[in-house]
Amino acid sequence: MLLYRILSGIVLIPIVLLIIYYAHFYGFLATIVLIEIIAFYELIKMSQTGSIKINKGFAFAGISLLAWHMVIPQKFIFTGLFLGCVFFIFTHDLLKRMRFKSEFNTPVSTLLKTVGVNFLSVIYIGWFLNYAVLLRKISPHMILFPLIITWANDTGAYAIGRLFGKHKLAPKISPNKTWEGSIAGICSGMITVAIFKFAVNGTKFFTDISYAEFLLAGIIISIAGQIGDLFESYIKRKCKVKDSGNLIPGHGGLLDRIDSLIFSLPLTYYFFILI
């Protein structure tokens, strides 16, 4: 498992860096949309084992709408997205009821949950991951920042947790995660932040940000990444699957690889915008 992780990293990291620093805006956006589609496909596949299923048509329509929003910002996009979700789900259910009379007695509460799950799934993947595009608009370094913290956090937590982990962090959600690994991950993230600050200290936008602010950002992003990891573990636990897929050797599915970033990207954006 560890060997597969290392080999996957050797292959993927240079590709990711090339895309971040050299891809055209539309090429970068297309890459993010492709990642979202694959991640959504994995999420939809996992949801098939649950009681509330994610609608494929609405999911990909939501991704397309949010990608368009990255090109031409429009007001009230989320209101329209939510209303579209409500209309789509209820229309879809009505057509099913007309076709299959046995489903006519579906509780309204189930329909409302379905609307909520479908809407939130688009926000979870489509909206949150699009913050990568907003960060890159500011600077390629800005998208690299949460990436390296997440990599360091995951690596530190995985290594120390396996070697010294004894106290379970969230046994009902992810039995293998420990407090020792969590703390080690945060410390690894902070060390990486200090190195990153030294490397980009003279570049635009980062000059006026102090080491203390960088370290604070490192702590917040590391914790957010771990919460994102636990959130995806909770989804997998509910869907009774081990991995979201098998796309990346040693890591499972793509969603397994980006689950920490999903929560880290928005926090990175707002942290540096607000300071």
C-alpha atoms as a PDB file:
ATOM      1  CA  MET A   1       0.000   0.000   0.000  1.00  0.00           C
ATOM      2  CA  LEU A   2       2.728   2.496   0.973  1.00  0.00           C
ATOM      3  CA  LEU A   3       4.744   1.626  -2.161  1.00  0.00           C
ATOM      4  CA  TYR A   4       1.701   2.277  -4.353  1.00  0.00           C
ATOM      5  CA  ARG A   5       1.174   5.626  -2.602  1.00  0.00           C
ATOM      6  CA  ILE A   6       4.779   6.652  -3.269  1.00  0.00           C
ATOM      7  CA  LEU A   7       4.678   5.579  -6.918  1.00  0.00           C
ATOM      8  CA  SER A   8       1.356   7.357  -7.470  1.00  0.00           C
ATOM      9  CA  GLY A   9       2.838  10.508  -5.952  1.00  0.00           C
ATOM     10  CA  ILE A  10       5.917  10.334  -8.189  1.00  0.00           C
ATOM     11  CA  VAL A  11       3.669  10.176 -11.256  1.00  0.00           C
ATOM     12  CA  LEU A  12       0.932  12.622 -10.220  1.00  0.00           C
ATOM     13  CA  ILE A  13       2.832  15.439  -8.481  1.00  0.00           C
ATOM     14  CA  PRO A  14       4.784  16.626 -11.582  1.00  0.00           C
ATOM     15  CA  ILE A  15       1.573  16.523 -13.652  1.00  0.00           C
ATOM     16  CA  VAL A  16      -0.287  18.587 -11.041  1.00  0.00           C
ATOM     17  CA  LEU A  17       2.529  21.165 -10.870  1.00  0.00           C
ATOM     18  CA  LEU A  18       2.635  21.515 -14.663  1.00  0.00           C
ATOM     19  CA  ILE A  19      -1.120  22.114 -14.807  1.00  0.00           C
ATOM     20  CA  ILE A  20      -1.031  24.652 -11.955  1.00  0.00           C
ATOM     21  CA  TYR A  21       1.794  26.752 -13.366  1.00  0.00           C
ATOM     22  CA  TYR A  22       1.557  26.359 -17.128  1.00  0.00           C
ATOM     23  CA  ALA A  23      -2.020  25.526 -18.124  1.00  0.00           C
ATOM     24  CA  HIS A  24      -4.138  28.238 -19.752  1.00  0.00           C
ATOM     25  CA  PHE A  25      -7.077  29.471 -17.652  1.00  0.00           C
ATOM     26  CA  TYR A  26      -9.583  27.472 -19.698  1.00  0.00           C
ATOM     27  CA  GLY A  27      -7.314  24.435 -19.625  1.00  0.00           C
ATOM     28  CA  PHE A  28      -7.114  24.672 -15.847  1.00  0.00           C
ATOM     29  CA  LEU A  29     -10.875  25.138 -15.566  1.00  0.00           C
ATOM     30  CA  ALA A  30     -11.447  22.138 -17.842  1.00  0.00           C
ATOM     31  CA  THR A  31      -9.134  20.067 -15.621  1.00  0.00           C
ATOM     32  CA  ILE A  32     -11.079  21.048 -12.498  1.00  0.00           C
ATOM     33  CA  VAL A  33     -14.387  20.232 -14.215  1.00  0.00           C
ATOM     34  CA  LEU A  34     -13.030  16.833 -15.263  1.00  0.00           C
ATOM     35  CA  ILE A  35     -11.966  16.160 -11.649  1.00  0.00           C
ATOM     36  CA  GLU A  36     -15.442  17.172 -10.483  1.00  0.00           C
ATOM     37  CA  ILE A  37     -17.134  14.861 -12.996  1.00  0.00           C
ATOM     38  CA  ILE A  38     -15.004  11.881 -11.938  1.00  0.00           C
ATOM     39  CA  ALA A  39     -15.515  12.637  -8.248  1.00  0.00           C
ATOM     40  CA  PHE A  40     -19.247  13.042  -8.794  1.00  0.00           C
ATOM     41  CA  TYR A  41     -19.410   9.776 -10.689  1.00  0.00           C
ATOM     42  CA  GLU A  42     -17.775   8.061  -7.694  1.00  0.00           C
ATOM     43  CA  LEU A  43     -20.185   9.770  -5.299  1.00  0.00           C
ATOM     44  CA  ILE A  44     -23.192   8.768  -7.417  1.00  0.00           C
ATOM     45  CA  LYS A  45     -21.939   5.189  -7.574  1.00  0.00           C
ATOM     46  CA  MET A  46     -21.555   5.105  -3.776  1.00  0.00           C
ATOM     47  CA  SER A  47     -25.043   6.556  -3.295  1.00  0.00           C
ATOM     48  CA  GLN A  48     -26.606   3.619  -5.168  1.00  0.00           C
ATOM     49  CA  THR A  49     -26.182   1.507  -2.036  1.00  0.00           C
ATOM     50  CA  GLY A  50     -28.038   4.055   0.130  1.00  0.00           C
ATOM     51  CA  SER A  51     -31.703   4.901   0.576  1.00  0.00           C
ATOM     52  CA  ILE A  52     -31.371   8.353  -1.049  1.00  0.00           C
ATOM     53  CA  LYS A  53     -29.732   8.379  -4.466  1.00  0.00           C
ATOM     54  CA  ILE A  54     -28.032  11.286  -6.210  1.00  0.00           C
ATOM     55  CA  ASN A  55     -29.565  12.135  -9.571  1.00  0.00           C
ATOM     56  CA  LYS A  56     -26.962  11.918 -12.327  1.00  0.00           C
ATOM     57  CA  GLY A  57     -28.620  14.450 -14.635  1.00  0.00           C
ATOM     58  CA  PHE A  58     -28.954  17.138 -11.982  1.00  0.00           C
ATOM     59  CA  ALA A  59     -25.415  16.541 -10.709  1.00  0.00           C
ATOM     60  CA  PHE A  60     -23.758  17.134 -14.057  1.00  0.00           C
ATOM     61  CA  ALA A  61     -26.075  20.059 -14.858  1.00  0.00           C
ATOM     62  CA  GLY A  62     -25.018  21.637 -11.561  1.00  0.00           C
ATOM     63  CA  ILE A  63     -21.316  21.175 -12.370  1.00  0.00           C
ATOM     64  CA  SER A  64     -21.819  22.771 -15.791  1.00  0.00           C
ATOM     65  CA  LEU A  65     -23.671  25.729 -14.300  1.00  0.00           C
ATOM     66  CA  LEU A  66     -20.991  26.344 -11.680  1.00  0.00           C
ATOM     67  CA  ALA A  67     -18.220  26.041 -14.288  1.00  0.00           C
ATOM     68  CA  TRP A  68     -20.016  28.640 -16.412  1.00  0.00           C
ATOM     69  CA  HIS A  69     -20.166  30.851 -13.318  1.00  0.00           C
ATOM     70  CA  MET A  70     -16.345  30.751 -13.205  1.00  0.00           C
ATOM     71  CA  VAL A  71     -16.225  32.221 -16.714  1.00  0.00           C
ATOM     72  CA  ILE A  72     -19.063  34.743 -16.449  1.00  0.00           C
ATOM     73  CA  PRO A  73     -20.042  35.506 -12.826  1.00  0.00           C
ATOM     74  CA  GLN A  74     -23.791  35.868 -12.408  1.00  0.00           C
ATOM     75  CA  LYS A  75     -25.926  36.873  -9.461  1.00  0.00           C
ATOM     76  CA  PHE A  76     -28.354  34.533  -7.755  1.00  0.00           C
ATOM     77  CA  ILE A  77     -26.722  31.413  -9.218  1.00  0.00           C
ATOM     78  CA  PHE A  78     -27.229  29.395  -6.038  1.00  0.00           C
ATOM     79  CA  THR A  79     -30.866  30.427  -5.755  1.00  0.00           C
ATOM     80  CA  GLY A  80     -31.402  29.274  -9.315  1.00  0.00           C
ATOM     81  CA  LEU A  81     -29.470  26.092  -8.653  1.00  0.00           C
ATOM     82  CA  PHE A  82     -31.580  25.264  -5.602  1.00  0.00           C
ATOM     83  CA  LEU A  83     -34.882  26.014  -7.329  1.00  0.00           C
ATOM     84  CA  GLY A  84     -33.725  23.977 -10.309  1.00  0.00           C
ATOM     85  CA  CYS A  85     -32.922  21.111  -7.951  1.00  0.00           C
ATOM     86  CA  VAL A  86     -36.368  21.260  -6.352  1.00  0.00           C
ATOM     87  CA  PHE A  87     -38.114  21.372  -9.746  1.00  0.00           C
ATOM     88  CA  PHE A  88     -35.960  18.611 -11.237  1.00  0.00           C
ATOM     89  CA  ILE A  89     -36.319  16.166  -8.322  1.00  0.00           C
ATOM     90  CA  PHE A  90     -40.046  16.640  -7.865  1.00  0.00           C
ATOM     91  CA  THR A  91     -40.697  16.414 -11.614  1.00  0.00           C
ATOM     92  CA  HIS A  92     -38.577  13.280 -11.810  1.00  0.00           C
ATOM     93  CA  ASP A  93     -40.493  11.766  -8.891  1.00  0.00           C
ATOM     94  CA  LEU A  94     -43.853  12.719 -10.399  1.00  0.00           C
ATOM     95  CA  LEU A  95     -42.957  10.972 -13.664  1.00  0.00           C
ATOM     96  CA  LYS A  96     -41.907   7.881 -11.724  1.00  0.00           C
ATOM     97  CA  ARG A  97     -45.223   7.918  -9.843  1.00  0.00           C
ATOM     98  CA  MET A  98     -47.144   8.150 -13.097  1.00  0.00           C
ATOM     99  CA  ARG A  99     -45.193   5.197 -14.474  1.00  0.00           C
ATOM    100  CA  PHE A 100     -44.984   3.062 -11.335  1.00  0.00           C
ATOM    101  CA  LYS A 101     -48.129   3.317  -9.229  1.00  0.00           C
ATOM    102  CA  SER A 102     -46.448   1.348  -6.432  1.00  0.00           C
ATOM    103  CA  GLU A 103     -44.227   4.388  -5.723  1.00  0.00           C
ATOM    104  CA  PHE A 104     -47.141   6.798  -5.449  1.00  0.00           C
ATOM    105  CA  ASN A 105     -47.010   6.740  -1.672  1.00  0.00           C
ATOM    106  CA  THR A 106     -43.423   7.956  -1.363  1.00  0.00           C
ATOM    107  CA  PRO A 107     -43.327  10.201   1.750  1.00  0.00           C
ATOM    108  CA  VAL A 108     -42.831  13.922   1.141  1.00  0.00           C
ATOM    109  CA  SER A 109     -40.077  13.852   3.775  1.00  0.00           C
ATOM    110  CA  THR A 110     -38.116  11.445   1.576  1.00  0.00           C
ATOM    111  CA  LEU A 111     -38.506  13.791  -1.385  1.00  0.00           C
ATOM    112  CA  LEU A 112     -37.262  16.730   0.706  1.00  0.00           C
ATOM    113  CA  LYS A 113     -34.252  14.720   1.852  1.00  0.00           C
ATOM    114  CA  THR A 114     -33.546  13.791  -1.753  1.00  0.00           C
ATOM    115  CA  VAL A 115     -33.643  17.459  -2.777  1.00  0.00           C
ATOM    116  CA  GLY A 116     -31.327  18.365   0.095  1.00  0.00           C
ATOM    117  CA  VAL A 117     -28.827  15.600  -0.633  1.00  0.00           C
ATOM    118  CA  ASN A 118     -28.724  16.381  -4.364  1.00  0.00           C
ATOM    119  CA  PHE A 119     -28.311  20.110  -3.792  1.00  0.00           C
ATOM    120  CA  LEU A 120     -25.627  19.707  -1.125  1.00  0.00           C
ATOM    121  CA  SER A 121     -23.724  17.176  -3.233  1.00  0.00           C
ATOM    122  CA  VAL A 122     -23.388  19.757  -6.006  1.00  0.00           C
ATOM    123  CA  ILE A 123     -22.175  22.332  -3.483  1.00  0.00           C
ATOM    124  CA  TYR A 124     -19.797  19.792  -1.893  1.00  0.00           C
ATOM    125  CA  ILE A 125     -18.025  18.937  -5.133  1.00  0.00           C
ATOM    126  CA  GLY A 126     -19.015  21.495  -7.772  1.00  0.00           C
ATOM    127  CA  TRP A 127     -18.839  24.686  -5.703  1.00  0.00           C
ATOM    128  CA  PHE A 128     -16.062  23.903  -3.213  1.00  0.00           C
ATOM    129  CA  LEU A 129     -13.635  22.548  -5.825  1.00  0.00           C
ATOM    130  CA  ASN A 130     -14.160  25.606  -8.015  1.00  0.00           C
ATOM    131  CA  TYR A 131     -12.298  27.630  -5.382  1.00  0.00           C
ATOM    132  CA  ALA A 132      -9.180  26.140  -6.977  1.00  0.00           C
ATOM    133  CA  VAL A 133      -9.964  28.281 -10.029  1.00  0.00           C
ATOM    134  CA  LEU A 134     -10.460  31.406  -7.896  1.00  0.00           C
ATOM    135  CA  LEU A 135      -7.187  30.798  -6.048  1.00  0.00           C
ATOM    136  CA  ARG A 136      -5.255  30.329  -9.265  1.00  0.00           C
ATOM    137  CA  LYS A 137      -6.661  33.607 -10.594  1.00  0.00           C
ATOM    138  CA  ILE A 138      -4.853  35.311  -7.709  1.00  0.00           C
ATOM    139  CA  SER A 139      -1.607  33.366  -8.092  1.00  0.00           C
ATOM    140  CA  PRO A 140      -0.492  29.816  -8.953  1.00  0.00           C
ATOM    141  CA  HIS A 141       1.246  29.831  -5.556  1.00  0.00           C
ATOM    142  CA  MET A 142      -2.162  30.278  -3.915  1.00  0.00           C
ATOM    143  CA  ILE A 143      -3.444  26.950  -5.221  1.00  0.00           C
ATOM    144  CA  LEU A 144      -0.143  25.263  -4.401  1.00  0.00           C
ATOM    145  CA  PHE A 145      -0.389  26.430  -0.773  1.00  0.00           C
ATOM    146  CA  PRO A 146      -3.358  24.247   0.334  1.00  0.00           C
ATOM    147  CA  LEU A 147      -2.087  21.404  -1.847  1.00  0.00           C
ATOM    148  CA  ILE A 148       1.285  21.091  -0.107  1.00  0.00           C
ATOM    149  CA  ILE A 149      -0.300  21.501   3.335  1.00  0.00           C
ATOM    150  CA  THR A 150      -2.758  18.726   2.506  1.00  0.00           C
ATOM    151  CA  TRP A 151       0.006  16.461   1.178  1.00  0.00           C
ATOM    152  CA  ALA A 152       2.144  17.085   4.270  1.00  0.00           C
ATOM    153  CA  ASN A 153      -0.838  16.677   6.586  1.00  0.00           C
ATOM    154  CA  ASP A 154      -1.908  13.380   5.001  1.00  0.00           C
ATOM    155  CA  THR A 155       1.633  12.001   4.913  1.00  0.00           C
ATOM    156  CA  GLY A 156       2.442  12.951   8.509  1.00  0.00           C
ATOM    157  CA  ALA A 157      -0.875  11.662   9.830  1.00  0.00           C
ATOM    158  CA  TYR A 158      -0.593   8.400   7.884  1.00  0.00           C
ATOM    159  CA  ALA A 159       3.027   7.663   8.884  1.00  0.00           C
ATOM    160  CA  ILE A 160       2.845   8.592  12.572  1.00  0.00           C
ATOM    161  CA  GLY A 161      -0.633   7.143  12.960  1.00  0.00           C
ATOM    162  CA  ARG A 162       0.521   3.764  11.663  1.00  0.00           C
ATOM    163  CA  LEU A 163       3.689   3.740  13.768  1.00  0.00           C
ATOM    164  CA  PHE A 164       2.548   5.267  17.054  1.00  0.00           C
ATOM    165  CA  GLY A 165      -1.227   5.716  16.894  1.00  0.00           C
ATOM    166  CA  LYS A 166      -3.083   4.341  19.917  1.00  0.00           C
ATOM    167  CA  HIS A 167      -5.925   6.732  20.709  1.00  0.00           C
ATOM    168  CA  LYS A 168      -8.763   6.603  18.195  1.00  0.00           C
ATOM    169  CA  LEU A 169      -9.876   9.940  16.744  1.00  0.00           C
ATOM    170  CA  ALA A 170     -13.322   8.961  15.434  1.00  0.00           C
ATOM    171  CA  PRO A 171     -13.697   5.167  15.724  1.00  0.00           C
ATOM    172  CA  LYS A 172     -17.315   5.086  14.499  1.00  0.00           C
ATOM    173  CA  ILE A 173     -16.426   6.982  11.325  1.00  0.00           C
ATOM    174  CA  SER A 174     -12.830   6.004  10.538  1.00  0.00           C
ATOM    175  CA  PRO A 175     -11.355   3.385  12.900  1.00  0.00           C
ATOM    176  CA  ASN A 176      -7.781   3.753  11.583  1.00  0.00           C
ATOM    177  CA  LYS A 177      -7.421   7.465  12.353  1.00  0.00           C
ATOM    178  CA  THR A 178      -5.787   8.401  15.661  1.00  0.00           C
ATOM    179  CA  TRP A 179      -5.149  11.531  17.710  1.00  0.00           C
ATOM    180  CA  GLU A 180      -1.409  10.928  17.367  1.00  0.00           C
ATOM    181  CA  GLY A 181      -1.717  10.900  13.594  1.00  0.00           C
ATOM    182  CA  SER A 182      -3.954  13.971  13.612  1.00  0.00           C
ATOM    183  CA  ILE A 183      -1.517  16.030  15.685  1.00  0.00           C
ATOM    184  CA  ALA A 184       1.416  14.827  13.569  1.00  0.00           C
ATOM    185  CA  GLY A 185      -0.459  15.872  10.443  1.00  0.00           C
ATOM    186  CA  ILE A 186      -1.022  19.390  11.783  1.00  0.00           C
ATOM    187  CA  CYS A 187       2.649  19.669  12.800  1.00  0.00           C
ATOM    188  CA  SER A 188       3.736  18.464   9.347  1.00  0.00           C
ATOM    189  CA  GLY A 189       1.491  21.088   7.777  1.00  0.00           C
ATOM    190  CA  MET A 190       2.998  23.857   9.920  1.00  0.00           C
ATOM    191  CA  ILE A 191       6.569  22.824   9.034  1.00  0.00           C
ATOM    192  CA  THR A 192       5.624  22.839   5.363  1.00  0.00           C
ATOM    193  CA  VAL A 193       4.049  26.292   5.741  1.00  0.00           C
ATOM    194  CA  ALA A 194       7.272  27.673   7.236  1.00  0.00           C
ATOM    195  CA  ILE A 195       9.287  26.321   4.294  1.00  0.00           C
ATOM    196  CA  PHE A 196       6.714  27.626   1.813  1.00  0.00           C
ATOM    197  CA  LYS A 197       6.805  31.116   3.375  1.00  0.00           C
ATOM    198  CA  PHE A 198      10.590  31.199   3.027  1.00  0.00           C
ATOM    199  CA  ALA A 199      10.367  30.100  -0.626  1.00  0.00           C
ATOM    200  CA  VAL A 200       7.729  32.659  -1.730  1.00  0.00           C
ATOM    201  CA  ASN A 201       8.566  35.523   0.632  1.00  0.00           C
ATOM    202  CA  GLY A 202       9.580  37.901  -2.140  1.00  0.00           C
ATOM    203  CA  THR A 203       6.701  37.166  -4.504  1.00  0.00           C
ATOM    204  CA  LYS A 204       3.630  39.304  -5.094  1.00  0.00           C
ATOM    205  CA  PHE A 205       0.775  39.016  -2.570  1.00  0.00           C
ATOM    206  CA  PHE A 206       2.805  37.002  -0.033  1.00  0.00           C
ATOM    207  CA  THR A 207       5.282  39.735   0.967  1.00  0.00           C
ATOM    208  CA  ASP A 208       2.956  41.441   3.471  1.00  0.00           C
ATOM    209  CA  ILE A 209       1.785  38.214   5.133  1.00  0.00           C
ATOM    210  CA  SER A 210       3.655  37.436   8.330  1.00  0.00           C
ATOM    211  CA  TYR A 211       4.953  34.069   9.487  1.00  0.00           C
ATOM    212  CA  ALA A 212       2.373  34.066  12.279  1.00  0.00           C
ATOM    213  CA  GLU A 213      -0.453  34.478   9.743  1.00  0.00           C
ATOM    214  CA  PHE A 214       1.031  31.739   7.575  1.00  0.00           C
ATOM    215  CA  LEU A 215       1.266  29.360  10.532  1.00  0.00           C
ATOM    216  CA  LEU A 216      -2.304  30.178  11.555  1.00  0.00           C
ATOM    217  CA  ALA A 217      -3.426  29.440   7.999  1.00  0.00           C
ATOM    218  CA  GLY A 218      -1.482  26.155   8.137  1.00  0.00           C
ATOM    219  CA  ILE A 219      -3.279  25.080  11.309  1.00  0.00           C
ATOM    220  CA  ILE A 220      -6.728  26.043   9.983  1.00  0.00           C
ATOM    221  CA  ILE A 221      -6.194  24.362   6.614  1.00  0.00           C
ATOM    222  CA  SER A 222      -4.759  21.212   8.215  1.00  0.00           C
ATOM    223  CA  ILE A 223      -7.759  20.895  10.539  1.00  0.00           C
ATOM    224  CA  ALA A 224     -10.157  21.615   7.656  1.00  0.00           C
ATOM    225  CA  GLY A 225      -8.441  18.928   5.586  1.00  0.00           C
ATOM    226  CA  GLN A 226      -8.833  16.373   8.364  1.00  0.00           C
ATOM    227  CA  ILE A 227     -12.505  17.282   8.747  1.00  0.00           C
ATOM    228  CA  GLY A 228     -12.931  16.860   4.998  1.00  0.00           C
ATOM    229  CA  ASP A 229     -11.297  13.443   5.216  1.00  0.00           C
ATOM    230  CA  LEU A 230     -13.605  12.425   8.065  1.00  0.00           C
ATOM    231  CA  PHE A 231     -16.639  13.759   6.196  1.00  0.00           C
ATOM    232  CA  GLU A 232     -15.908  11.574   3.194  1.00  0.00           C
ATOM    233  CA  SER A 233     -15.257   8.628   5.533  1.00  0.00           C
ATOM    234  CA  TYR A 234     -18.704   9.260   7.020  1.00  0.00           C
ATOM    235  CA  ILE A 235     -20.257   9.154   3.533  1.00  0.00           C
ATOM    236  CA  LYS A 236     -18.463   5.882   2.755  1.00  0.00           C
ATOM    237  CA  ARG A 237     -19.564   4.450   6.102  1.00  0.00           C
ATOM    238  CA  LYS A 238     -23.184   5.338   5.323  1.00  0.00           C
ATOM    239  CA  CYS A 239     -22.883   3.829   1.849  1.00  0.00           C
ATOM    240  CA  LYS A 240     -21.052   0.772   3.260  1.00  0.00           C
ATOM    241  CA  VAL A 241     -18.050   1.008   0.933  1.00  0.00           C
ATOM    242  CA  LYS A 242     -14.332   1.027   1.723  1.00  0.00           C
ATOM    243  CA  ASP A 243     -13.147   3.344  -1.065  1.00  0.00           C
ATOM    244  CA  SER A 244     -14.911   5.723  -3.426  1.00  0.00           C
ATOM    245  CA  GLY A 245     -13.281   3.867  -6.341  1.00  0.00           C
ATOM    246  CA  ASN A 246     -10.030   2.308  -7.535  1.00  0.00           C
ATOM    247  CA  LEU A 247      -8.741   4.936  -9.956  1.00  0.00           C
ATOM    248  CA  ILE A 248      -5.485   5.743  -8.104  1.00  0.00           C
ATOM    249  CA  PRO A 249      -3.353   2.793  -6.890  1.00  0.00           C
ATOM    250  CA  GLY A 250      -2.729   2.976  -3.153  1.00  0.00           C
ATOM    251  CA  HIS A 251      -5.303   5.728  -2.650  1.00  0.00           C
ATOM    252  CA  GLY A 252      -8.598   4.295  -3.898  1.00  0.00           C
ATOM    253  CA  GLY A 253     -10.810   6.647  -5.871  1.00  0.00           C
ATOM    254  CA  LEU A 254     -10.222  10.239  -6.904  1.00  0.00           C
ATOM    255  CA  LEU A 255     -12.635  11.440  -4.226  1.00  0.00           C
ATOM    256  CA  ASP A 256     -10.493   9.643  -1.634  1.00  0.00           C
ATOM    257  CA  ARG A 257      -7.518  11.684  -2.824  1.00  0.00           C
ATOM    258  CA  ILE A 258      -9.189  15.113  -2.889  1.00  0.00           C
ATOM    259  CA  ASP A 259     -11.538  14.819   0.108  1.00  0.00           C
ATOM    260  CA  SER A 260      -9.237  16.971   2.283  1.00  0.00           C
ATOM    261  CA  LEU A 261      -8.900  19.647  -0.409  1.00  0.00           C
ATOM    262  CA  ILE A 262     -12.659  20.006  -0.801  1.00  0.00           C
ATOM    263  CA  PHE A 263     -12.875  21.729   2.579  1.00  0.00           C
ATOM    264  CA  SER A 264      -9.402  23.318   2.472  1.00  0.00           C
ATOM    265  CA  LEU A 265      -9.792  25.284  -0.767  1.00  0.00           C
ATOM    266  CA  PRO A 266     -12.662  27.603   0.311  1.00  0.00           C
ATOM    267  CA  LEU A 267     -11.015  28.282   3.683  1.00  0.00           C
ATOM    268  CA  THR A 268      -7.706  29.136   1.989  1.00  0.00           C
ATOM    269  CA  TYR A 269      -9.457  31.587  -0.315  1.00  0.00           C
ATOM    270  CA  TYR A 270     -11.376  33.413   2.400  1.00  0.00           C
ATOM    271  CA  PHE A 271      -8.464  33.396   4.847  1.00  0.00           C
ATOM    272  CA  PHE A 272      -6.151  35.257   2.476  1.00  0.00           C
ATOM    273  CA  ILE A 273      -8.912  37.515   1.158  1.00  0.00           C
ATOM    274  CA  LEU A 274      -9.876  38.631   4.664  1.00  0.00           C
ATOM    275  CA  ILE A 275      -6.456  39.114   6.276  1.00  0.00           C
END
